[in-house]
Protein backbone atom coordinates (compact mmCIF):
# COMPACT_ATOMS: atom_id res chain seq x y z
CA MET A 1 -20.42 20.48 -5.37
CA ILE A 2 -20.06 22.08 -1.60
CA ALA A 3 -18.17 25.14 -3.61
CA ASP A 4 -20.64 25.55 -5.96
CA LEU A 5 -23.53 25.38 -3.24
CA HIS A 6 -21.64 27.99 -1.46
CA GLU A 7 -21.87 30.64 -4.12
CA PHE A 8 -25.57 29.66 -4.46
CA VAL A 9 -26.11 30.47 -1.02
CA LYS A 10 -24.28 33.95 -1.53
CA GLU A 11 -26.47 34.64 -4.80
CA ALA A 12 -29.59 33.46 -3.09
CA GLU A 13 -28.91 36.04 0.00
CA ALA A 14 -28.18 38.82 -2.52
CA GLU A 15 -31.37 38.77 -4.08
CA SER A 16 -33.60 37.88 -0.94
CA ASN A 17 -34.63 34.38 -2.33
CA ASP A 18 -35.24 32.47 0.87
CA THR A 19 -36.99 30.02 -1.17
CA LEU A 20 -33.61 29.08 -3.07
CA LEU A 21 -31.83 29.93 0.01
CA THR A 22 -33.20 27.11 1.70
CA LEU A 23 -32.96 24.78 -0.78
CA SER A 24 -29.01 25.48 -1.00
CA PHE A 25 -28.39 24.77 2.49
CA GLU A 26 -30.23 21.59 2.43
CA ALA A 27 -28.48 20.49 -0.68
CA ARG A 28 -25.36 21.14 0.78
CA GLN A 29 -26.22 19.24 3.94
CA HIS A 30 -26.39 16.50 1.96
CA ALA A 31 -23.31 16.99 -0.09
CA PHE A 32 -21.14 17.14 2.83
CA LEU A 33 -22.88 13.60 4.17
CA ILE A 34 -22.34 12.21 0.85
CA GLN A 35 -18.27 12.94 1.52
CA ILE A 36 -18.70 11.77 4.73
CA TYR A 37 -20.03 8.38 4.36
CA THR A 38 -17.92 7.93 1.32
CA GLY A 39 -14.80 8.14 3.32
CA ARG A 40 -16.41 5.84 5.91
CA PHE A 41 -17.29 3.18 3.60
CA LEU A 42 -13.86 3.45 1.55
CA LEU A 43 -12.22 2.77 5.23
CA GLU A 44 -14.33 0.47 6.91
CA GLN A 45 -16.32 -1.27 3.70
CA LYS A 46 -19.66 -1.78 5.54
CA GLN A 47 -22.53 -2.17 3.58
CA GLU A 48 -24.61 0.60 5.32
CA TYR A 49 -22.66 3.01 4.41
CA GLY A 50 -23.06 2.38 0.61
CA ALA A 51 -26.94 2.18 1.28
CA LYS A 52 -26.86 5.91 2.96
CA ILE A 53 -24.12 7.05 0.36
CA SER A 54 -27.23 5.97 -2.41
CA LYS A 55 -29.86 7.73 0.06
CA GLU A 56 -27.86 11.00 -0.10
CA PHE A 57 -27.59 10.87 -3.70
CA GLU A 58 -30.86 11.03 -3.98
CA LEU A 59 -31.77 13.61 -1.60
CA PHE A 60 -29.10 15.52 -2.92
CA GLN A 61 -31.04 15.23 -6.70
CA ASN A 62 -34.16 16.07 -5.24
CA TYR A 63 -33.15 19.61 -3.83
CA LEU A 64 -31.43 19.88 -6.90
CA ASP A 65 -34.31 19.64 -8.92
CA ARG A 66 -36.51 21.33 -6.82
CA MET A 67 -33.95 24.29 -7.09
CA GLU A 68 -34.40 24.59 -10.77
CA ALA A 69 -37.78 26.30 -10.54
CA HIS A 70 -36.38 28.97 -7.99
CA LEU A 71 -33.41 30.34 -10.25
CA HIS A 72 -33.30 34.03 -11.73
CA THR A 73 -30.30 35.02 -12.53
CA GLU A 74 -28.00 33.66 -15.38
CA ARG A 75 -25.15 32.41 -12.92
CA GLU A 76 -27.25 30.82 -10.66
CA ARG A 77 -28.25 28.56 -14.21
CA GLU A 78 -24.80 28.05 -14.72
CA LEU A 79 -24.17 26.94 -11.36
CA HIS A 80 -27.04 24.48 -11.41
CA VAL A 81 -25.95 22.77 -14.90
CA GLU A 82 -22.29 22.90 -13.15
CA LEU A 83 -24.01 21.37 -10.09
CA SER A 84 -25.75 18.77 -11.91
CA THR A 85 -22.46 17.67 -13.72
CA LEU A 86 -20.46 17.63 -10.82
CA ARG A 87 -22.96 15.59 -9.19
CA LYS A 88 -23.23 12.98 -12.09
CA THR A 89 -19.61 12.57 -12.50
CA TYR A 90 -19.31 12.00 -8.76
CA HIS A 91 -21.56 9.13 -8.39
CA ASP A 92 -20.56 8.01 -11.39
CA ILE A 93 -17.01 7.39 -10.44
CA TYR A 94 -18.03 6.19 -6.71
CA TRP A 95 -19.44 3.27 -8.29
CA GLU A 96 -16.78 2.58 -10.41
CA LEU A 97 -14.55 2.83 -7.56
CA ARG A 98 -16.75 0.60 -5.51
CA HIS A 99 -16.97 -1.89 -8.09
CA ASP A 100 -13.02 -1.82 -8.21
CA GLN A 101 -12.96 -2.48 -4.45
CA GLU A 102 -15.47 -5.19 -3.83
CA GLU A 103 -13.90 -7.13 -7.15
CA ILE A 104 -10.41 -6.85 -5.73
CA ALA A 105 -11.69 -8.29 -2.28
CA ARG A 106 -13.48 -11.27 -4.24
CA LEU A 107 -10.53 -12.18 -5.42
CA MET A 108 -8.43 -11.98 -2.88
CA ASP A 109 -11.38 -13.80 -0.26
CA GLU A 110 -12.91 -16.16 -2.87
CA ALA A 111 -10.21 -16.54 -6.08
CA MET A 112 -6.98 -16.86 -4.65
CA PRO A 113 -7.47 -18.98 -1.62
CA ARG A 114 -9.63 -21.35 -3.76
CA PHE A 115 -6.66 -21.72 -6.05
CA SER A 116 -3.95 -21.94 -3.10
CA ALA A 117 -5.60 -24.84 -1.54
CA ILE A 118 -5.74 -26.57 -4.91
CA ILE A 119 -2.27 -26.05 -6.16
CA ILE A 120 -1.50 -27.44 -2.15
CA LYS A 121 -3.33 -30.31 -2.56
CA ASN A 122 -1.89 -31.12 -6.21
CA THR A 123 1.59 -30.09 -5.39
CA GLU A 124 4.60 -33.10 -4.81
CA GLN A 125 6.77 -31.11 -2.04
CA PRO A 126 6.03 -31.93 1.82
CA GLU A 127 2.64 -30.48 3.12
CA HIS A 128 4.23 -28.43 5.56
CA GLU A 129 6.38 -26.80 3.21
CA ALA A 130 2.99 -25.98 0.78
CA ALA A 131 1.49 -24.68 3.81
CA GLU A 132 4.17 -22.24 5.11
CA ARG A 133 4.09 -21.33 0.82
CA GLU A 134 0.29 -20.60 0.79
CA TYR A 135 0.80 -18.25 4.40
CA GLU A 136 3.61 -16.42 2.40
CA VAL A 137 1.00 -15.64 -0.31
CA ARG A 138 -1.58 -14.72 1.87
CA VAL A 139 0.41 -12.24 3.68
CA ARG A 140 1.70 -10.19 0.92
CA ALA A 141 -1.65 -10.04 -0.74
CA LEU A 142 -3.03 -8.80 2.73
CA LYS A 143 -0.22 -5.78 2.32
CA ALA A 144 -1.76 -5.31 -1.12
CA ILE A 145 -4.86 -4.92 0.07
CA ALA A 146 -3.83 -2.63 3.32
CA LEU A 147 -2.31 -0.35 0.68
CA VAL A 148 -5.04 -0.08 -1.32
CA GLU A 149 -7.22 0.33 1.73
CA ALA A 150 -4.66 3.33 2.93
CA GLU A 151 -4.82 4.64 -0.44
CA LEU A 152 -8.69 5.04 -0.98
CA LEU A 153 -8.61 6.66 2.93
CA ILE A 154 -6.93 9.42 2.03
CA ILE A 155 -8.87 9.83 -1.45
CA GLY A 156 -12.15 9.83 0.81
CA GLY A 157 -10.78 12.54 3.07
CA ILE A 158 -10.11 14.94 0.18
CA GLY A 159 -13.98 14.16 -0.66
CA THR A 160 -13.12 15.73 -4.65
CA VAL A 161 -13.64 14.66 -8.00
CA ILE A 162 -9.92 14.68 -8.91
CA GLY A 163 -9.19 12.47 -5.69
CA PHE A 164 -11.90 9.58 -7.01
CA ILE A 165 -10.05 9.80 -10.54
CA ILE A 166 -6.94 9.14 -8.63
CA ALA A 167 -8.22 6.28 -6.89
CA PHE A 168 -10.19 4.81 -9.73
CA SER A 169 -6.30 4.83 -11.74
CA ILE A 170 -4.91 2.79 -9.03
CA ALA A 171 -7.72 0.63 -8.48
CA ARG A 172 -7.57 -0.62 -11.95
CA GLY A 173 -3.60 -0.77 -11.49
CA ILE A 174 -4.23 -3.28 -8.43
CA SER A 175 -7.24 -5.17 -10.22
CA GLN A 176 -5.75 -6.00 -13.44
CA PRO A 177 -2.60 -7.54 -12.31
CA VAL A 178 -4.29 -9.50 -9.62
CA SER A 179 -6.77 -10.92 -11.92
CA ALA A 180 -3.91 -12.14 -14.31
CA THR A 181 -2.18 -13.78 -11.36
CA THR A 182 -5.37 -15.47 -10.57
CA SER A 183 -5.56 -16.91 -14.05
CA VAL A 184 -2.00 -17.94 -13.90
CA MET A 185 -3.13 -19.91 -10.79
CA ASP A 186 -5.98 -21.24 -12.30
CA ALA A 187 -3.50 -22.60 -15.27
CA LEU A 188 -1.19 -24.13 -12.59
CA THR A 189 -3.94 -26.08 -10.99
CA HIS A 190 -4.73 -27.79 -14.28
CA GLY A 191 -0.85 -28.73 -14.43
CA ASN A 192 0.27 -26.03 -16.39
CA PHE A 193 3.50 -25.25 -15.35
CA SER A 194 5.17 -23.50 -18.19
CA VAL A 195 2.56 -20.43 -17.73
CA GLU A 196 4.81 -17.26 -17.52
CA VAL A 197 4.05 -15.07 -14.20
CA PRO A 198 2.96 -11.44 -14.97
CA ALA A 199 4.21 -8.34 -13.22
CA GLN A 200 7.17 -9.76 -11.21
CA ASP A 201 8.90 -6.74 -12.42
CA ARG A 202 6.21 -4.26 -10.32
CA GLY A 203 8.85 -3.43 -7.62
CA ASP A 204 5.57 -3.44 -5.31
CA GLU A 205 3.36 -5.92 -3.24
CA ILE A 206 1.75 -7.09 -6.57
CA SER A 207 5.33 -8.00 -7.80
CA GLU A 208 5.95 -10.04 -4.40
CA MET A 209 2.71 -11.78 -4.91
CA ALA A 210 3.70 -12.91 -8.63
CA ARG A 211 7.04 -13.94 -7.49
CA ALA A 212 5.47 -16.52 -4.38
CA VAL A 213 3.17 -17.83 -7.29
CA GLN A 214 6.21 -18.43 -9.40
CA ILE A 215 7.34 -20.94 -6.43
CA TYR A 216 4.57 -23.44 -7.63
CA GLN A 217 6.19 -23.58 -10.93
CA ARG A 218 9.33 -24.66 -9.24
């Protein structure tokens, strides 16, 4: 989006289109702010950045709409169509990524601790041993979250559509095995110790979590 707006500025300057030039400058400013706030949101997980991102998307679209009446050349019209498409793609992927990130946080912060507490309460092993194993599960879960946040921070810094697509794939790859592991823990809480624990052969923190969960089958 920023590259297209740079080209808009050049086009407007070449034809002395002052109105289009001003609108292009303003739109480019909001595109930069979208990129900056998105990176901060992915890093810090503060809702205040989510509100700022939504506001900047709204302002960017407003300037994009106002630019349409001042397009004079075919190249300007092509750039405007491309900008509209990129804006929609960026916005859609941002919301998909944000949803997956919130779902991962919910599973880690709510579902897994709740199921762990139930399993510990009903296990036949000594209480102190169960507590130690719960702590190991939590530590491994936090390591997995830290890895995801580091990856998302890098992608947020890039601030491109390709980066968001990669981040989206990573989030999907984590949320599915985490959800599957959560389902297994749910089954364990109901006494089904024969259920198979998935994702043990992934070779990453998720597989460590899965093997930690399998401890409760013993």
